[in-house]
Each structure stands twice: as structure tokens, then as C-alpha cells.
PDB file of all heavy atoms in Angstrom:
ATOM      1  N   ASP A   1       1.712 -16.339 -61.705  1.00  0.00           N
ATOM      2  CA  ASP A   1       0.397 -15.901 -61.220  1.00  0.00           C
ATOM      3  C   ASP A   1      -0.518 -15.485 -62.363  1.00  0.00           C
ATOM      4  O   ASP A   1      -1.733 -15.716 -62.317  1.00  0.00           O
ATOM      5  CB  ASP A   1       0.559 -14.744 -60.228  1.00  0.00           C
ATOM      6  CG  ASP A   1       1.191 -15.200 -58.920  1.00  0.00           C
ATOM      7  OD1 ASP A   1       1.391 -16.414 -58.754  1.00  0.00           O
ATOM      8  OD2 ASP A   1       1.497 -14.337 -58.067  1.00  0.00           O
ATOM      9  N   THR A   2       0.048 -14.873 -63.401  1.00  0.00           N
ATOM     10  CA  THR A   2      -0.763 -14.479 -64.558  1.00  0.00           C
ATOM     11  C   THR A   2      -1.280 -15.702 -65.276  1.00  0.00           C
ATOM     12  O   THR A   2      -2.453 -15.762 -65.676  1.00  0.00           O
ATOM     13  CB  THR A   2       0.063 -13.602 -65.508  1.00  0.00           C
ATOM     14  OG1 THR A   2       0.497 -12.426 -64.825  1.00  0.00           O
ATOM     15  CG2 THR A   2      -0.761 -13.192 -66.718  1.00  0.00           C
ATOM     16  N   ARG A   3      -0.400 -16.698 -65.476  1.00  0.00           N
ATOM     17  CA  ARG A   3      -0.830 -17.923 -66.153  1.00  0.00           C
ATOM     18  C   ARG A   3      -1.935 -18.609 -65.370  1.00  0.00           C
ATOM     19  O   ARG A   3      -2.961 -19.027 -65.936  1.00  0.00           O
ATOM     20  CB  ARG A   3       0.361 -18.865 -66.314  1.00  0.00           C
ATOM     21  CG  ARG A   3       0.013 -20.140 -67.079  1.00  0.00           C
ATOM     22  CD  ARG A   3       1.111 -21.186 -66.992  1.00  0.00           C
ATOM     23  NE  ARG A   3       1.258 -21.678 -65.626  1.00  0.00           N
ATOM     24  CZ  ARG A   3       2.352 -21.563 -64.907  1.00  0.00           C
ATOM     25  NH1 ARG A   3       3.398 -20.952 -65.400  1.00  0.00           N
ATOM     26  NH2 ARG A   3       2.416 -22.047 -63.672  1.00  0.00           N
ATOM     27  N   SER A   4      -1.736 -18.750 -64.050  1.00  0.00           N
ATOM     28  CA  SER A   4      -2.743 -19.426 -63.230  1.00  0.00           C
ATOM     29  C   SER A   4      -4.055 -18.648 -63.202  1.00  0.00           C
ATOM     30  O   SER A   4      -5.137 -19.245 -63.282  1.00  0.00           O
ATOM     31  CB  SER A   4      -2.212 -19.593 -61.803  1.00  0.00           C
ATOM     32  OG  SER A   4      -1.037 -20.372 -61.792  1.00  0.00           O
ATOM     33  N   PHE A   5      -3.955 -17.326 -63.099  1.00  0.00           N
ATOM     34  CA  PHE A   5      -5.183 -16.524 -63.011  1.00  0.00           C
ATOM     35  C   PHE A   5      -6.030 -16.636 -64.265  1.00  0.00           C
ATOM     36  O   PHE A   5      -7.249 -16.870 -64.185  1.00  0.00           O
ATOM     37  CB  PHE A   5      -4.829 -15.054 -62.776  1.00  0.00           C
ATOM     38  CG  PHE A   5      -6.006 -14.129 -62.941  1.00  0.00           C
ATOM     39  CD1 PHE A   5      -6.992 -14.054 -61.972  1.00  0.00           C
ATOM     40  CD2 PHE A   5      -6.149 -13.355 -64.089  1.00  0.00           C
ATOM     41  CE1 PHE A   5      -8.083 -13.238 -62.135  1.00  0.00           C
ATOM     42  CE2 PHE A   5      -7.235 -12.527 -64.256  1.00  0.00           C
ATOM     43  CZ  PHE A   5      -8.214 -12.469 -63.273  1.00  0.00           C
ATOM     44  N   THR A   6      -5.421 -16.493 -65.427  1.00  0.00           N
ATOM     45  CA  THR A   6      -6.212 -16.543 -66.668  1.00  0.00           C
ATOM     46  C   THR A   6      -6.809 -17.917 -66.879  1.00  0.00           C
ATOM     47  O   THR A   6      -7.986 -18.041 -67.270  1.00  0.00           O
ATOM     48  CB  THR A   6      -5.343 -16.155 -67.870  1.00  0.00           C
ATOM     49  OG1 THR A   6      -4.147 -16.944 -67.872  1.00  0.00           O
ATOM     50  CG2 THR A   6      -4.946 -14.677 -67.799  1.00  0.00           C
ATOM     51  N   ALA A   7      -6.023 -18.974 -66.604  1.00  0.00           N
ATOM     52  CA  ALA A   7      -6.542 -20.328 -66.790  1.00  0.00           C
ATOM     53  C   ALA A   7      -7.662 -20.643 -65.799  1.00  0.00           C
ATOM     54  O   ALA A   7      -8.728 -21.152 -66.184  1.00  0.00           O
ATOM     55  CB  ALA A   7      -5.417 -21.342 -66.646  1.00  0.00           C
ATOM     56  N   GLN A   8      -7.440 -20.301 -64.525  1.00  0.00           N
ATOM     57  CA  GLN A   8      -8.435 -20.614 -63.505  1.00  0.00           C
ATOM     58  C   GLN A   8      -9.665 -19.724 -63.619  1.00  0.00           C
ATOM     59  O   GLN A   8     -10.788 -20.174 -63.339  1.00  0.00           O
ATOM     60  CB  GLN A   8      -7.808 -20.474 -62.120  1.00  0.00           C
ATOM     61  CG  GLN A   8      -6.766 -21.557 -61.818  1.00  0.00           C
ATOM     62  CD  GLN A   8      -6.112 -21.359 -60.469  1.00  0.00           C
ATOM     63  OE1 GLN A   8      -6.078 -20.260 -59.923  1.00  0.00           O
ATOM     64  NE2 GLN A   8      -5.555 -22.428 -59.926  1.00  0.00           N
ATOM     65  N   SER A   9      -9.475 -18.474 -64.049  1.00  0.00           N
ATOM     66  CA  SER A   9     -10.632 -17.580 -64.237  1.00  0.00           C
ATOM     67  C   SER A   9     -11.590 -18.157 -65.274  1.00  0.00           C
ATOM     68  O   SER A   9     -12.812 -18.208 -65.066  1.00  0.00           O
ATOM     69  CB  SER A   9     -10.173 -16.186 -64.659  1.00  0.00           C
ATOM     70  OG  SER A   9      -9.513 -15.535 -63.611  1.00  0.00           O
ATOM     71  N   LEU A  10     -11.027 -18.589 -66.398  1.00  0.00           N
ATOM     72  CA  LEU A  10     -11.873 -19.201 -67.425  1.00  0.00           C
ATOM     73  C   LEU A  10     -12.489 -20.498 -66.912  1.00  0.00           C
ATOM     74  O   LEU A  10     -13.659 -20.787 -67.168  1.00  0.00           O
ATOM     75  CB  LEU A  10     -11.045 -19.474 -68.687  1.00  0.00           C
ATOM     76  CG  LEU A  10     -10.783 -18.278 -69.600  1.00  0.00           C
ATOM     77  CD1 LEU A  10      -9.914 -18.673 -70.768  1.00  0.00           C
ATOM     78  CD2 LEU A  10     -12.100 -17.712 -70.111  1.00  0.00           C
ATOM     79  N   GLN A  11     -11.682 -21.269 -66.187  1.00  0.00           N
ATOM     80  CA  GLN A  11     -12.183 -22.537 -65.679  1.00  0.00           C
ATOM     81  C   GLN A  11     -13.390 -22.319 -64.759  1.00  0.00           C
ATOM     82  O   GLN A  11     -14.414 -23.002 -64.896  1.00  0.00           O
ATOM     83  CB  GLN A  11     -11.075 -23.262 -64.916  1.00  0.00           C
ATOM     84  CG  GLN A  11     -11.515 -24.558 -64.243  1.00  0.00           C
ATOM     85  CD  GLN A  11     -10.423 -25.151 -63.362  1.00  0.00           C
ATOM     86  OE1 GLN A  11      -9.267 -24.762 -63.445  1.00  0.00           O
ATOM     87  NE2 GLN A  11     -10.810 -26.089 -62.505  1.00  0.00           N
ATOM     88  N   PHE A  12     -13.277 -21.368 -63.842  1.00  0.00           N
ATOM     89  CA  PHE A  12     -14.361 -21.132 -62.903  1.00  0.00           C
ATOM     90  C   PHE A  12     -15.548 -20.413 -63.576  1.00  0.00           C
ATOM     91  O   PHE A  12     -16.707 -20.695 -63.267  1.00  0.00           O
ATOM     92  CB  PHE A  12     -13.868 -20.343 -61.697  1.00  0.00           C
ATOM     93  CG  PHE A  12     -12.983 -21.144 -60.786  1.00  0.00           C
ATOM     94  CD1 PHE A  12     -11.723 -20.696 -60.463  1.00  0.00           C
ATOM     95  CD2 PHE A  12     -13.429 -22.337 -60.267  1.00  0.00           C
ATOM     96  CE1 PHE A  12     -10.899 -21.439 -59.635  1.00  0.00           C
ATOM     97  CE2 PHE A  12     -12.616 -23.091 -59.432  1.00  0.00           C
ATOM     98  CZ  PHE A  12     -11.345 -22.646 -59.125  1.00  0.00           C
ATOM     99  N   THR A  13     -15.231 -19.469 -64.473  1.00  0.00           N
ATOM    100  CA  THR A  13     -16.324 -18.789 -65.164  1.00  0.00           C
ATOM    101  C   THR A  13     -17.150 -19.755 -65.985  1.00  0.00           C
ATOM    102  O   THR A  13     -18.397 -19.768 -65.918  1.00  0.00           O
ATOM    103  CB  THR A  13     -15.757 -17.679 -66.069  1.00  0.00           C
ATOM    104  OG1 THR A  13     -15.031 -16.733 -65.289  1.00  0.00           O
ATOM    105  CG2 THR A  13     -16.883 -16.942 -66.790  1.00  0.00           C
ATOM    106  N   LEU A  14     -16.454 -20.585 -66.757  1.00  0.00           N
ATOM    107  CA  LEU A  14     -17.159 -21.564 -67.558  1.00  0.00           C
ATOM    108  C   LEU A  14     -17.812 -22.630 -66.681  1.00  0.00           C
ATOM    109  O   LEU A  14     -18.874 -23.166 -67.024  1.00  0.00           O
ATOM    110  CB  LEU A  14     -16.195 -22.210 -68.558  1.00  0.00           C
ATOM    111  CG  LEU A  14     -15.616 -21.251 -69.607  1.00  0.00           C
ATOM    112  CD1 LEU A  14     -14.619 -21.977 -70.494  1.00  0.00           C
ATOM    113  CD2 LEU A  14     -16.718 -20.647 -70.458  1.00  0.00           C
ATOM    114  N   GLY A  15     -17.159 -22.932 -65.547  1.00  0.00           N
ATOM    115  CA  GLY A  15     -17.760 -23.884 -64.618  1.00  0.00           C
ATOM    116  C   GLY A  15     -19.070 -23.344 -64.046  1.00  0.00           C
ATOM    117  O   GLY A  15     -20.054 -24.099 -63.902  1.00  0.00           O
ATOM    118  N   ILE A  16     -19.086 -22.039 -63.740  1.00  0.00           N
ATOM    119  CA  ILE A  16     -20.332 -21.428 -63.240  1.00  0.00           C
ATOM    120  C   ILE A  16     -21.385 -21.409 -64.348  1.00  0.00           C
ATOM    121  O   ILE A  16     -22.560 -21.713 -64.114  1.00  0.00           O
ATOM    122  CB  ILE A  16     -20.043 -20.008 -62.735  1.00  0.00           C
ATOM    123  CG1 ILE A  16     -19.169 -20.053 -61.471  1.00  0.00           C
ATOM    124  CG2 ILE A  16     -21.335 -19.254 -62.444  1.00  0.00           C
ATOM    125  CD1 ILE A  16     -18.677 -18.715 -60.992  1.00  0.00           C
ATOM    126  N   PHE A  17     -20.960 -21.027 -65.575  1.00  0.00           N
ATOM    127  CA  PHE A  17     -21.893 -21.068 -66.697  1.00  0.00           C
ATOM    128  C   PHE A  17     -22.445 -22.480 -66.884  1.00  0.00           C
ATOM    129  O   PHE A  17     -23.647 -22.686 -67.077  1.00  0.00           O
ATOM    130  CB  PHE A  17     -21.196 -20.629 -67.982  1.00  0.00           C
ATOM    131  CG  PHE A  17     -21.020 -19.147 -68.096  1.00  0.00           C
ATOM    132  CD1 PHE A  17     -20.259 -18.597 -69.123  1.00  0.00           C
ATOM    133  CD2 PHE A  17     -21.603 -18.265 -67.207  1.00  0.00           C
ATOM    134  CE1 PHE A  17     -20.089 -17.227 -69.243  1.00  0.00           C
ATOM    135  CE2 PHE A  17     -21.443 -16.902 -67.307  1.00  0.00           C
ATOM    136  CZ  PHE A  17     -20.672 -16.385 -68.330  1.00  0.00           C
ATOM    137  N   ASP A  18     -21.555 -23.462 -66.821  1.00  0.00           N
ATOM    138  CA  ASP A  18     -21.956 -24.856 -66.985  1.00  0.00           C
ATOM    139  C   ASP A  18     -22.955 -25.262 -65.909  1.00  0.00           C
ATOM    140  O   ASP A  18     -23.954 -25.949 -66.188  1.00  0.00           O
ATOM    141  CB  ASP A  18     -20.711 -25.738 -66.938  1.00  0.00           C
ATOM    142  CG  ASP A  18     -20.967 -27.151 -67.417  1.00  0.00           C
ATOM    143  OD1 ASP A  18     -21.996 -27.360 -68.117  1.00  0.00           O
ATOM    144  OD2 ASP A  18     -20.156 -28.044 -67.140  1.00  0.00           O
ATOM    145  N   ALA A  19     -22.658 -24.837 -64.669  1.00  0.00           N
ATOM    146  CA  ALA A  19     -23.561 -25.164 -63.572  1.00  0.00           C
ATOM    147  C   ALA A  19     -24.937 -24.516 -63.765  1.00  0.00           C
ATOM    148  O   ALA A  19     -25.976 -25.156 -63.541  1.00  0.00           O
ATOM    149  CB  ALA A  19     -22.948 -24.700 -62.246  1.00  0.00           C
ATOM    150  N   LEU A  20     -24.939 -23.250 -64.202  1.00  0.00           N
ATOM    151  CA  LEU A  20     -26.218 -22.572 -64.448  1.00  0.00           C
ATOM    152  C   LEU A  20     -27.004 -23.243 -65.561  1.00  0.00           C
ATOM    153  O   LEU A  20     -28.236 -23.416 -65.467  1.00  0.00           O
ATOM    154  CB  LEU A  20     -25.965 -21.102 -64.787  1.00  0.00           C
ATOM    155  CG  LEU A  20     -25.446 -20.215 -63.647  1.00  0.00           C
ATOM    156  CD1 LEU A  20     -25.073 -18.826 -64.181  1.00  0.00           C
ATOM    157  CD2 LEU A  20     -26.494 -20.089 -62.548  1.00  0.00           C
ATOM    158  N   LEU A  21     -26.293 -23.599 -66.627  1.00  0.00           N
ATOM    159  CA  LEU A  21     -26.970 -24.253 -67.755  1.00  0.00           C
ATOM    160  C   LEU A  21     -27.487 -25.625 -67.351  1.00  0.00           C
ATOM    161  O   LEU A  21     -28.617 -26.010 -67.705  1.00  0.00           O
ATOM    162  CB  LEU A  21     -26.005 -24.370 -68.938  1.00  0.00           C
ATOM    163  CG  LEU A  21     -25.536 -23.048 -69.554  1.00  0.00           C
ATOM    164  CD1 LEU A  21     -24.459 -23.291 -70.595  1.00  0.00           C
ATOM    165  CD2 LEU A  21     -26.705 -22.287 -70.159  1.00  0.00           C
ATOM    166  N   THR A  22     -26.653 -26.374 -66.645  1.00  0.00           N
ATOM    167  CA  THR A  22     -27.079 -27.694 -66.175  1.00  0.00           C
ATOM    168  C   THR A  22     -28.297 -27.576 -65.263  1.00  0.00           C
ATOM    169  O   THR A  22     -29.257 -28.353 -65.380  1.00  0.00           O
ATOM    170  CB  THR A  22     -25.927 -28.385 -65.409  1.00  0.00           C
ATOM    171  OG1 THR A  22     -24.796 -28.515 -66.294  1.00  0.00           O
ATOM    172  CG2 THR A  22     -26.327 -29.755 -64.933  1.00  0.00           C
ATOM    173  N   PHE A  23     -28.249 -26.605 -64.375  1.00  0.00           N
ATOM    174  CA  PHE A  23     -29.371 -26.392 -63.469  1.00  0.00           C
ATOM    175  C   PHE A  23     -30.633 -26.037 -64.249  1.00  0.00           C
ATOM    176  O   PHE A  23     -31.713 -26.600 -64.003  1.00  0.00           O
ATOM    177  CB  PHE A  23     -29.015 -25.274 -62.485  1.00  0.00           C
ATOM    178  CG  PHE A  23     -30.139 -24.910 -61.553  1.00  0.00           C
ATOM    179  CD1 PHE A  23     -30.355 -25.636 -60.392  1.00  0.00           C
ATOM    180  CD2 PHE A  23     -30.974 -23.835 -61.828  1.00  0.00           C
ATOM    181  CE1 PHE A  23     -31.392 -25.302 -59.533  1.00  0.00           C
ATOM    182  CE2 PHE A  23     -32.000 -23.486 -60.982  1.00  0.00           C
ATOM    183  CZ  PHE A  23     -32.215 -24.227 -59.829  1.00  0.00           C
ATOM    184  N   SER A  24     -30.496 -25.118 -65.209  1.00  0.00           N
ATOM    185  CA  SER A  24     -31.665 -24.651 -65.961  1.00  0.00           C
ATOM    186  C   SER A  24     -32.291 -25.771 -66.777  1.00  0.00           C
ATOM    187  O   SER A  24     -33.520 -25.853 -66.890  1.00  0.00           O
ATOM    188  CB  SER A  24     -31.257 -23.506 -66.895  1.00  0.00           C
ATOM    189  OG  SER A  24     -30.692 -22.443 -66.161  1.00  0.00           O
ATOM    190  N   LEU A  25     -31.446 -26.638 -67.350  1.00  0.00           N
ATOM    191  CA  LEU A  25     -31.978 -27.677 -68.228  1.00  0.00           C
ATOM    192  C   LEU A  25     -32.530 -28.868 -67.463  1.00  0.00           C
ATOM    193  O   LEU A  25     -33.334 -29.631 -68.021  1.00  0.00           O
ATOM    194  CB  LEU A  25     -30.858 -28.164 -69.170  1.00  0.00           C
ATOM    195  CG  LEU A  25     -30.412 -27.171 -70.238  1.00  0.00           C
ATOM    196  CD1 LEU A  25     -29.171 -27.679 -70.949  1.00  0.00           C
ATOM    197  CD2 LEU A  25     -31.530 -26.924 -71.247  1.00  0.00           C
ATOM    198  N   ASN A  26     -32.142 -29.055 -66.212  1.00  0.00           N
ATOM    199  CA  ASN A  26     -32.550 -30.255 -65.484  1.00  0.00           C
ATOM    200  C   ASN A  26     -33.518 -29.993 -64.332  1.00  0.00           C
ATOM    201  O   ASN A  26     -34.146 -30.929 -63.846  1.00  0.00           O
ATOM    202  CB  ASN A  26     -31.322 -30.981 -64.942  1.00  0.00           C
ATOM    203  CG  ASN A  26     -30.500 -31.638 -66.030  1.00  0.00           C
ATOM    204  OD1 ASN A  26     -30.794 -32.754 -66.491  1.00  0.00           O
ATOM    205  ND2 ASN A  26     -29.469 -30.953 -66.485  1.00  0.00           N
ATOM    206  N   ILE A  27     -33.593 -28.725 -63.868  1.00  0.00           N
ATOM    207  CA  ILE A  27     -34.448 -28.462 -62.721  1.00  0.00           C
ATOM    208  C   ILE A  27     -35.917 -28.682 -63.051  1.00  0.00           C
ATOM    209  O   ILE A  27     -36.696 -29.202 -62.226  1.00  0.00           O
ATOM    210  CB  ILE A  27     -34.201 -27.024 -62.181  1.00  0.00           C
ATOM    211  CG1 ILE A  27     -34.926 -26.823 -60.863  1.00  0.00           C
ATOM    212  CG2 ILE A  27     -34.614 -25.989 -63.205  1.00  0.00           C
ATOM    213  CD1 ILE A  27     -34.424 -27.719 -59.748  1.00  0.00           C
ATOM    214  N   LEU A  28     -36.311 -28.317 -64.285  1.00  0.00           N
ATOM    215  CA  LEU A  28     -37.720 -28.544 -64.677  1.00  0.00           C
ATOM    216  C   LEU A  28     -38.035 -30.029 -64.764  1.00  0.00           C
ATOM    217  O   LEU A  28     -39.132 -30.472 -64.379  1.00  0.00           O
ATOM    218  CB  LEU A  28     -37.990 -27.867 -66.022  1.00  0.00           C
ATOM    219  CG  LEU A  28     -38.002 -26.337 -66.028  1.00  0.00           C
ATOM    220  CD1 LEU A  28     -38.235 -25.814 -67.445  1.00  0.00           C
ATOM    221  CD2 LEU A  28     -39.064 -25.802 -65.090  1.00  0.00           C
TER     222      LEU A  28
END
């Protein structure tokens, strides 16, 4: 559970960051 949590937390956090950045750069 610790291995999955740390890997998935980073995956989703960076995925959210990626989504925000993608949105910010392309919405205009």
C-alpha cells in the first residue's frame, strides 16, 4: 500500500499539474 500510494500520488498530482498546464497553454 505504501508503494502504490507514493507512486499513484505523484502520478495523479503531476497529472493534475499537467492538466492545468495543458489547459492554461491551450485554452487561449
